[in-house]
């Protein structure tokens, strides 16, 4: 009985991890890229204003 519970918990954990990898990692990657692009744009705008570009 206890072994069955452990196995099902393990299976749920594995499927959650797989879903996490499938959906959350690409989402995080897109989010990070957006942030990086924004920072680059801000940097370019600032350097144009100050004339350091």
N, C-alpha and C. Protein backbone atom coordinates (compact mmCIF):
# COMPACT_ATOMS: atom_id res chain seq x y z
N UNK A 1 0.83 -1.21 0.00
CA UNK A 1 0.00 0.00 0.00
C UNK A 1 0.88 1.27 0.00
N UNK A 2 1.82 1.30 0.94
CA UNK A 2 2.70 2.47 1.02
C UNK A 2 3.54 2.59 -0.24
N UNK A 3 4.01 1.43 -0.75
CA UNK A 3 4.82 1.45 -1.97
C UNK A 3 4.05 2.02 -3.14
N UNK A 4 2.77 1.67 -3.26
CA UNK A 4 1.93 2.21 -4.35
C UNK A 4 1.83 3.72 -4.25
N UNK A 5 1.65 4.24 -3.05
CA UNK A 5 1.54 5.69 -2.85
C UNK A 5 2.85 6.35 -3.27
N UNK A 6 3.97 5.78 -2.86
CA UNK A 6 5.28 6.34 -3.20
C UNK A 6 5.46 6.36 -4.72
N UNK A 7 5.06 5.26 -5.38
CA UNK A 7 5.21 5.17 -6.84
C UNK A 7 4.36 6.24 -7.52
N UNK A 8 3.10 6.41 -7.09
CA UNK A 8 2.24 7.40 -7.74
C UNK A 8 2.78 8.80 -7.51
N UNK A 9 3.26 9.09 -6.31
CA UNK A 9 3.83 10.41 -6.02
C UNK A 9 5.04 10.65 -6.92
N UNK A 10 5.86 9.61 -7.07
CA UNK A 10 7.05 9.70 -7.92
C UNK A 10 6.63 9.98 -9.37
N UNK A 11 5.62 9.25 -9.86
CA UNK A 11 5.15 9.44 -11.24
C UNK A 11 4.61 10.85 -11.44
N UNK A 12 3.84 11.33 -10.47
CA UNK A 12 3.30 12.70 -10.57
C UNK A 12 4.45 13.69 -10.60
N UNK A 13 5.44 13.46 -9.74
CA UNK A 13 6.61 14.35 -9.70
C UNK A 13 7.32 14.39 -11.04
N UNK A 14 7.50 13.20 -11.64
CA UNK A 14 8.19 13.12 -12.93
C UNK A 14 7.40 13.86 -14.00
N UNK A 15 6.08 13.65 -14.04
CA UNK A 15 5.28 14.32 -15.07
C UNK A 15 5.27 15.82 -14.86
N UNK A 16 5.26 16.26 -13.61
CA UNK A 16 5.31 17.70 -13.33
C UNK A 16 6.63 18.28 -13.81
N UNK A 17 7.72 17.56 -13.55
CA UNK A 17 9.04 18.03 -13.99
C UNK A 17 9.09 18.11 -15.52
N UNK A 18 8.52 17.11 -16.20
CA UNK A 18 8.52 17.11 -17.66
C UNK A 18 7.71 18.30 -18.19
N UNK A 19 6.54 18.54 -17.60
CA UNK A 19 5.73 19.69 -18.01
C UNK A 19 6.50 20.98 -17.76
N UNK A 20 7.13 21.06 -16.60
CA UNK A 20 7.92 22.22 -16.22
C UNK A 20 8.98 22.49 -17.27
N UNK A 21 9.70 21.43 -17.67
CA UNK A 21 10.75 21.58 -18.67
C UNK A 21 10.15 22.00 -20.00
N UNK A 22 9.00 21.40 -20.35
CA UNK A 22 8.43 21.64 -21.68
C UNK A 22 7.92 23.07 -21.83
N UNK A 23 7.28 23.60 -20.79
CA UNK A 23 6.61 24.89 -20.93
C UNK A 23 7.35 26.04 -20.25
N UNK A 24 7.85 25.80 -19.05
CA UNK A 24 8.37 26.93 -18.28
C UNK A 24 9.73 27.38 -18.77
N UNK A 25 10.58 26.44 -19.17
CA UNK A 25 11.93 26.83 -19.61
C UNK A 25 11.88 27.70 -20.87
N UNK A 26 11.11 27.32 -21.92
CA UNK A 26 11.02 28.22 -23.08
C UNK A 26 10.43 29.57 -22.71
N UNK A 27 9.43 29.57 -21.80
CA UNK A 27 8.82 30.82 -21.36
C UNK A 27 9.85 31.71 -20.68
N UNK A 28 10.63 31.10 -19.77
CA UNK A 28 11.67 31.86 -19.07
C UNK A 28 12.71 32.39 -20.06
N UNK A 29 13.06 31.56 -21.04
CA UNK A 29 14.06 31.98 -22.03
C UNK A 29 13.55 33.20 -22.80
N UNK A 30 12.28 33.16 -23.24
CA UNK A 30 11.70 34.30 -23.96
C UNK A 30 11.71 35.54 -23.08
N UNK A 31 11.33 35.36 -21.80
CA UNK A 31 11.26 36.48 -20.88
C UNK A 31 12.64 37.12 -20.71
N UNK A 32 13.66 36.27 -20.55
CA UNK A 32 15.03 36.77 -20.36
C UNK A 32 15.49 37.50 -21.61
N UNK A 33 15.19 36.93 -22.78
CA UNK A 33 15.59 37.59 -24.03
C UNK A 33 14.93 38.95 -24.17
N UNK A 34 13.63 39.03 -23.84
CA UNK A 34 12.92 40.31 -23.91
C UNK A 34 13.59 41.33 -23.01
N UNK A 35 13.89 40.89 -21.77
CA UNK A 35 14.53 41.81 -20.82
C UNK A 35 15.87 42.28 -21.35
N UNK A 36 16.64 41.35 -21.92
CA UNK A 36 17.97 41.70 -22.42
C UNK A 36 17.84 42.71 -23.56
N UNK A 37 16.90 42.48 -24.48
CA UNK A 37 16.70 43.39 -25.60
C UNK A 37 16.33 44.78 -25.09
N UNK A 38 15.47 44.81 -24.06
CA UNK A 38 15.07 46.10 -23.49
C UNK A 38 16.28 46.82 -22.93
N UNK A 39 17.12 46.09 -22.21
CA UNK A 39 18.31 46.70 -21.61
C UNK A 39 19.25 47.22 -22.69
N UNK A 40 19.40 46.44 -23.77
CA UNK A 40 20.27 46.88 -24.87
C UNK A 40 19.70 48.15 -25.50
N UNK A 41 18.39 48.18 -25.72
CA UNK A 41 17.76 49.38 -26.30
C UNK A 41 17.97 50.58 -25.40
N UNK A 42 17.75 50.38 -24.09
CA UNK A 42 17.94 51.49 -23.14
C UNK A 42 19.39 51.98 -23.18
N UNK A 43 20.33 51.04 -23.23
CA UNK A 43 21.74 51.39 -23.28
C UNK A 43 22.05 52.21 -24.53
N UNK A 44 21.51 51.77 -25.68
CA UNK A 44 21.75 52.48 -26.94
C UNK A 44 21.17 53.88 -26.86
N UNK A 45 19.95 54.00 -26.33
CA UNK A 45 19.32 55.31 -26.22
C UNK A 45 20.12 56.22 -25.30
N UNK A 46 20.55 55.69 -24.17
CA UNK A 46 21.33 56.50 -23.22
C UNK A 46 22.63 56.96 -23.85
N UNK A 47 23.32 56.05 -24.55
CA UNK A 47 24.62 56.42 -25.12
C UNK A 47 24.43 57.42 -26.27
N UNK A 48 23.29 57.36 -26.96
CA UNK A 48 23.03 58.35 -28.01
C UNK A 48 22.84 59.73 -27.37
N UNK A 49 22.13 59.75 -26.22
CA UNK A 49 21.88 61.02 -25.55
C UNK A 49 23.18 61.65 -25.05
N UNK A 50 24.04 60.81 -24.47
CA UNK A 50 25.27 61.35 -23.88
C UNK A 50 26.38 61.49 -24.92
N UNK A 51 26.23 60.83 -26.06
CA UNK A 51 27.23 60.93 -27.12
C UNK A 51 28.39 59.97 -26.93
N UNK A 52 28.17 58.90 -26.14
CA UNK A 52 29.24 57.91 -25.93
C UNK A 52 29.21 56.82 -26.99
N UNK A 53 28.22 56.84 -27.83
CA UNK A 53 28.04 55.72 -28.75
C UNK A 53 29.11 55.71 -29.82
